[in-house]
């Protein structure tokens, strides 16, 4: 198991990468600035992952 940081993790490619890494057994943190991202999108990623979402907001 590795600790992995996924930048732009709330966008299309980043969110799919996040899910795939979780399914592979890795510990993953999302870093995102949330520009043009709806709160619902982040909640949907959390629901799909079915795990607590580790998220860092970039400024």
PDB file of N, CA and C in Angstrom:
ATOM      1  N   UNK A   1       0.841  -1.177   0.000  1.00  0.00           N
ATOM      2  CA  UNK A   1       0.000   0.000   0.000  1.00  0.00           C
ATOM      3  C   UNK A   1       0.885   1.239   0.000  1.00  0.00           C
ATOM      4  N   UNK A   2       0.523   2.200  -0.837  1.00  0.00           N
ATOM      5  CA  UNK A   2       1.260   3.454  -0.934  1.00  0.00           C
ATOM      6  C   UNK A   2       0.342   4.612  -0.575  1.00  0.00           C
ATOM      7  N   UNK A   3       0.933   5.711  -0.100  1.00  0.00           N
ATOM      8  CA  UNK A   3       0.210   6.961   0.095  1.00  0.00           C
ATOM      9  C   UNK A   3       0.377   7.774  -1.172  1.00  0.00           C
ATOM     10  N   UNK A   4      -0.741   8.191  -1.782  1.00  0.00           N
ATOM     11  CA  UNK A   4      -0.694   8.868  -3.064  1.00  0.00           C
ATOM     12  C   UNK A   4      -1.518  10.150  -3.008  1.00  0.00           C
ATOM     13  N   UNK A   5      -0.973  11.223  -3.594  1.00  0.00           N
ATOM     14  CA  UNK A   5      -1.670  12.493  -3.714  1.00  0.00           C
ATOM     15  C   UNK A   5      -2.137  12.642  -5.158  1.00  0.00           C
ATOM     16  N   UNK A   6      -3.440  12.870  -5.337  1.00  0.00           N
ATOM     17  CA  UNK A   6      -4.002  13.072  -6.675  1.00  0.00           C
ATOM     18  C   UNK A   6      -4.409  14.536  -6.783  1.00  0.00           C
ATOM     19  N   UNK A   7      -3.739  15.286  -7.662  1.00  0.00           N
ATOM     20  CA  UNK A   7      -4.123  16.672  -7.883  1.00  0.00           C
ATOM     21  C   UNK A   7      -5.267  16.714  -8.883  1.00  0.00           C
ATOM     22  N   UNK A   8      -6.090  17.733  -8.762  1.00  0.00           N
ATOM     23  CA  UNK A   8      -7.298  17.867  -9.582  1.00  0.00           C
ATOM     24  C   UNK A   8      -8.176  16.626  -9.455  1.00  0.00           C
ATOM     25  N   UNK A   9      -8.262  16.118  -8.251  1.00  0.00           N
ATOM     26  CA  UNK A   9      -8.970  14.874  -8.003  1.00  0.00           C
ATOM     27  C   UNK A   9     -10.475  14.962  -8.055  1.00  0.00           C
ATOM     28  N   UNK A  10     -11.036  16.160  -8.140  1.00  0.00           N
ATOM     29  CA  UNK A  10     -12.490  16.288  -8.230  1.00  0.00           C
ATOM     30  C   UNK A  10     -12.937  16.482  -9.673  1.00  0.00           C
ATOM     31  N   UNK A  11     -12.037  16.375 -10.592  1.00  0.00           N
ATOM     32  CA  UNK A  11     -12.369  16.504 -12.009  1.00  0.00           C
ATOM     33  C   UNK A  11     -12.483  15.103 -12.614  1.00  0.00           C
ATOM     34  N   UNK A  12     -12.798  15.020 -13.879  1.00  0.00           N
ATOM     35  CA  UNK A  12     -13.111  13.728 -14.498  1.00  0.00           C
ATOM     36  C   UNK A  12     -11.967  12.719 -14.370  1.00  0.00           C
ATOM     37  N   UNK A  13     -10.812  13.035 -14.894  1.00  0.00           N
ATOM     38  CA  UNK A  13      -9.702  12.071 -14.852  1.00  0.00           C
ATOM     39  C   UNK A  13      -9.205  11.830 -13.433  1.00  0.00           C
ATOM     40  N   UNK A  14      -9.107  12.899 -12.658  1.00  0.00           N
ATOM     41  CA  UNK A  14      -8.627  12.761 -11.290  1.00  0.00           C
ATOM     42  C   UNK A  14      -9.527  11.906 -10.429  1.00  0.00           C
ATOM     43  N   UNK A  15     -10.835  12.073 -10.581  1.00  0.00           N
ATOM     44  CA  UNK A  15     -11.764  11.288  -9.763  1.00  0.00           C
ATOM     45  C   UNK A  15     -11.726   9.807 -10.143  1.00  0.00           C
ATOM     46  N   UNK A  16     -11.591   9.520 -11.436  1.00  0.00           N
ATOM     47  CA  UNK A  16     -11.492   8.123 -11.857  1.00  0.00           C
ATOM     48  C   UNK A  16     -10.177   7.499 -11.385  1.00  0.00           C
ATOM     49  N   UNK A  17      -9.113   8.282 -11.409  1.00  0.00           N
ATOM     50  CA  UNK A  17      -7.823   7.811 -10.897  1.00  0.00           C
ATOM     51  C   UNK A  17      -7.918   7.541  -9.403  1.00  0.00           C
ATOM     52  N   UNK A  18      -8.571   8.439  -8.679  1.00  0.00           N
ATOM     53  CA  UNK A  18      -8.770   8.290  -7.239  1.00  0.00           C
ATOM     54  C   UNK A  18      -9.480   6.975  -6.909  1.00  0.00           C
ATOM     55  N   UNK A  19     -10.570   6.708  -7.603  1.00  0.00           N
ATOM     56  CA  UNK A  19     -11.336   5.483  -7.356  1.00  0.00           C
ATOM     57  C   UNK A  19     -10.495   4.244  -7.672  1.00  0.00           C
ATOM     58  N   UNK A  20      -9.785   4.254  -8.790  1.00  0.00           N
ATOM     59  CA  UNK A  20      -8.960   3.102  -9.179  1.00  0.00           C
ATOM     60  C   UNK A  20      -7.858   2.844  -8.163  1.00  0.00           C
ATOM     61  N   UNK A  21      -7.249   3.906  -7.659  1.00  0.00           N
ATOM     62  CA  UNK A  21      -6.187   3.738  -6.659  1.00  0.00           C
ATOM     63  C   UNK A  21      -6.743   3.201  -5.346  1.00  0.00           C
ATOM     64  N   UNK A  22      -7.918   3.677  -4.941  1.00  0.00           N
ATOM     65  CA  UNK A  22      -8.554   3.142  -3.730  1.00  0.00           C
ATOM     66  C   UNK A  22      -8.853   1.656  -3.893  1.00  0.00           C
ATOM     67  N   UNK A  23      -9.388   1.288  -5.054  1.00  0.00           N
ATOM     68  CA  UNK A  23      -9.718  -0.114  -5.299  1.00  0.00           C
ATOM     69  C   UNK A  23      -8.476  -0.995  -5.319  1.00  0.00           C
ATOM     70  N   UNK A  24      -7.324  -0.410  -5.652  1.00  0.00           N
ATOM     71  CA  UNK A  24      -6.064  -1.150  -5.645  1.00  0.00           C
ATOM     72  C   UNK A  24      -5.461  -1.227  -4.245  1.00  0.00           C
ATOM     73  N   UNK A  25      -6.120  -0.599  -3.266  1.00  0.00           N
ATOM     74  CA  UNK A  25      -5.680  -0.716  -1.883  1.00  0.00           C
ATOM     75  C   UNK A  25      -4.771   0.395  -1.391  1.00  0.00           C
ATOM     76  N   UNK A  26      -4.637   1.461  -2.143  1.00  0.00           N
ATOM     77  CA  UNK A  26      -3.765   2.562  -1.749  1.00  0.00           C
ATOM     78  C   UNK A  26      -4.506   3.576  -0.892  1.00  0.00           C
ATOM     79  N   UNK A  27      -3.751   4.343  -0.126  1.00  0.00           N
ATOM     80  CA  UNK A  27      -4.286   5.458   0.636  1.00  0.00           C
ATOM     81  C   UNK A  27      -4.126   6.698  -0.224  1.00  0.00           C
ATOM     82  N   UNK A  28      -5.246   7.392  -0.502  1.00  0.00           N
ATOM     83  CA  UNK A  28      -5.229   8.469  -1.485  1.00  0.00           C
ATOM     84  C   UNK A  28      -5.794   9.753  -0.878  1.00  0.00           C
ATOM     85  N   UNK A  29      -5.123  10.861  -1.166  1.00  0.00           N
ATOM     86  CA  UNK A  29      -5.588  12.187  -0.780  1.00  0.00           C
ATOM     87  C   UNK A  29      -5.821  12.987  -2.055  1.00  0.00           C
ATOM     88  N   UNK A  30      -6.942  13.702  -2.108  1.00  0.00           N
ATOM     89  CA  UNK A  30      -7.255  14.562  -3.246  1.00  0.00           C
ATOM     90  C   UNK A  30      -6.835  15.989  -2.911  1.00  0.00           C
ATOM     91  N   UNK A  31      -6.129  16.637  -3.843  1.00  0.00           N
ATOM     92  CA  UNK A  31      -5.812  18.056  -3.743  1.00  0.00           C
ATOM     93  C   UNK A  31      -6.516  18.764  -4.900  1.00  0.00           C
ATOM     94  N   UNK A  32      -7.298  19.771  -4.570  1.00  0.00           N
ATOM     95  CA  UNK A  32      -8.129  20.422  -5.592  1.00  0.00           C
ATOM     96  C   UNK A  32      -8.356  21.874  -5.197  1.00  0.00           C
ATOM     97  N   UNK A  33      -8.381  22.781  -6.162  1.00  0.00           N
ATOM     98  CA  UNK A  33      -8.662  24.177  -5.859  1.00  0.00           C
ATOM     99  C   UNK A  33     -10.148  24.512  -5.953  1.00  0.00           C
ATOM    100  N   UNK A  34     -10.950  23.607  -6.422  1.00  0.00           N
ATOM    101  CA  UNK A  34     -12.403  23.706  -6.484  1.00  0.00           C
ATOM    102  C   UNK A  34     -12.923  24.800  -7.406  1.00  0.00           C
ATOM    103  N   UNK A  35     -12.098  25.317  -8.300  1.00  0.00           N
ATOM    104  CA  UNK A  35     -12.620  26.287  -9.265  1.00  0.00           C
ATOM    105  C   UNK A  35     -13.494  25.527 -10.264  1.00  0.00           C
ATOM    106  N   UNK A  36     -14.681  26.006 -10.463  1.00  0.00           N
ATOM    107  CA  UNK A  36     -15.661  25.403 -11.380  1.00  0.00           C
ATOM    108  C   UNK A  36     -16.090  23.988 -10.966  1.00  0.00           C
ATOM    109  N   UNK A  37     -15.984  23.664  -9.700  1.00  0.00           N
ATOM    110  CA  UNK A  37     -16.414  22.358  -9.190  1.00  0.00           C
ATOM    111  C   UNK A  37     -17.591  22.579  -8.234  1.00  0.00           C
ATOM    112  N   UNK A  38     -18.664  21.853  -8.431  1.00  0.00           N
ATOM    113  CA  UNK A  38     -19.819  21.940  -7.546  1.00  0.00           C
ATOM    114  C   UNK A  38     -19.599  21.055  -6.322  1.00  0.00           C
ATOM    115  N   UNK A  39     -20.176  21.457  -5.191  1.00  0.00           N
ATOM    116  CA  UNK A  39     -20.083  20.645  -3.975  1.00  0.00           C
ATOM    117  C   UNK A  39     -20.655  19.253  -4.196  1.00  0.00           C
ATOM    118  N   UNK A  40     -21.683  19.170  -5.051  1.00  0.00           N
ATOM    119  CA  UNK A  40     -22.306  17.874  -5.317  1.00  0.00           C
ATOM    120  C   UNK A  40     -21.314  16.903  -5.956  1.00  0.00           C
ATOM    121  N   UNK A  41     -20.406  17.425  -6.752  1.00  0.00           N
ATOM    122  CA  UNK A  41     -19.415  16.575  -7.412  1.00  0.00           C
ATOM    123  C   UNK A  41     -18.522  15.893  -6.378  1.00  0.00           C
ATOM    124  N   UNK A  42     -18.075  16.653  -5.398  1.00  0.00           N
ATOM    125  CA  UNK A  42     -17.221  16.092  -4.345  1.00  0.00           C
ATOM    126  C   UNK A  42     -18.001  15.044  -3.552  1.00  0.00           C
ATOM    127  N   UNK A  43     -19.258  15.318  -3.258  1.00  0.00           N
ATOM    128  CA  UNK A  43     -20.076  14.362  -2.514  1.00  0.00           C
ATOM    129  C   UNK A  43     -20.324  13.089  -3.324  1.00  0.00           C
ATOM    130  N   UNK A  44     -20.482  13.211  -4.630  1.00  0.00           N
ATOM    131  CA  UNK A  44     -20.663  12.035  -5.482  1.00  0.00           C
ATOM    132  C   UNK A  44     -19.415  11.160  -5.490  1.00  0.00           C
ATOM    133  N   UNK A  45     -18.246  11.778  -5.526  1.00  0.00           N
ATOM    134  CA  UNK A  45     -16.997  11.012  -5.481  1.00  0.00           C
ATOM    135  C   UNK A  45     -16.911  10.253  -4.163  1.00  0.00           C
ATOM    136  N   UNK A  46     -17.260  10.925  -3.071  1.00  0.00           N
ATOM    137  CA  UNK A  46     -17.249  10.276  -1.759  1.00  0.00           C
ATOM    138  C   UNK A  46     -18.205   9.092  -1.720  1.00  0.00           C
ATOM    139  N   UNK A  47     -19.388   9.269  -2.285  1.00  0.00           N
ATOM    140  CA  UNK A  47     -20.378   8.193  -2.285  1.00  0.00           C
ATOM    141  C   UNK A  47     -19.920   7.005  -3.132  1.00  0.00           C
ATOM    142  N   UNK A  48     -19.315   7.279  -4.286  1.00  0.00           N
ATOM    143  CA  UNK A  48     -18.818   6.205  -5.145  1.00  0.00           C
ATOM    144  C   UNK A  48     -17.695   5.443  -4.459  1.00  0.00           C
ATOM    145  N   UNK A  49     -16.807   6.180  -3.801  1.00  0.00           N
ATOM    146  CA  UNK A  49     -15.672   5.549  -3.122  1.00  0.00           C
ATOM    147  C   UNK A  49     -16.136   4.765  -1.901  1.00  0.00           C
ATOM    148  N   UNK A  50     -17.278   5.173  -1.326  1.00  0.00           N
ATOM    149  CA  UNK A  50     -17.820   4.537  -0.128  1.00  0.00           C
ATOM    150  C   UNK A  50     -16.799   4.539   1.012  1.00  0.00           C
ATOM    151  N   UNK A  51     -16.015   5.598   1.075  1.00  0.00           N
ATOM    152  CA  UNK A  51     -15.020   5.768   2.139  1.00  0.00           C
ATOM    153  C   UNK A  51     -14.976   7.239   2.517  1.00  0.00           C
ATOM    154  N   UNK A  52     -14.361   7.507   3.660  1.00  0.00           N
ATOM    155  CA  UNK A  52     -14.144   8.882   4.041  1.00  0.00           C
ATOM    156  C   UNK A  52     -13.193   9.523   3.026  1.00  0.00           C
ATOM    157  N   UNK A  53     -13.591  10.670   2.512  1.00  0.00           N
ATOM    158  CA  UNK A  53     -12.822  11.357   1.490  1.00  0.00           C
ATOM    159  C   UNK A  53     -11.731  12.204   2.146  1.00  0.00           C
ATOM    160  N   UNK A  54     -10.476  11.929   1.826  1.00  0.00           N
ATOM    161  CA  UNK A  54      -9.360  12.730   2.300  1.00  0.00           C
ATOM    162  C   UNK A  54      -9.112  13.802   1.251  1.00  0.00           C
ATOM    163  N   UNK A  55      -9.327  15.047   1.651  1.00  0.00           N
ATOM    164  CA  UNK A  55      -9.387  16.129   0.664  1.00  0.00           C
ATOM    165  C   UNK A  55      -8.641  17.336   1.195  1.00  0.00           C
ATOM    166  N   UNK A  56      -7.808  17.939   0.353  1.00  0.00           N
ATOM    167  CA  UNK A  56      -7.117  19.180   0.692  1.00  0.00           C
ATOM    168  C   UNK A  56      -7.489  20.224  -0.346  1.00  0.00           C
ATOM    169  N   UNK A  57      -7.951  21.373   0.117  1.00  0.00           N
ATOM    170  CA  UNK A  57      -8.321  22.445  -0.803  1.00  0.00           C
ATOM    171  C   UNK A  57      -7.107  23.323  -1.067  1.00  0.00           C
ATOM    172  N   UNK A  58      -6.753  23.472  -2.334  1.00  0.00           N
ATOM    173  CA  UNK A  58      -5.653  24.335  -2.733  1.00  0.00           C
ATOM    174  C   UNK A  58      -6.180  25.729  -2.963  1.00  0.00           C
ATOM    175  N   UNK A  59      -5.410  26.712  -2.598  1.00  0.00           N
ATOM    176  CA  UNK A  59      -5.798  28.111  -2.813  1.00  0.00           C
ATOM    177  C   UNK A  59      -5.048  28.691  -3.972  1.00  0.00           C
TER     178      UNK A  59
END
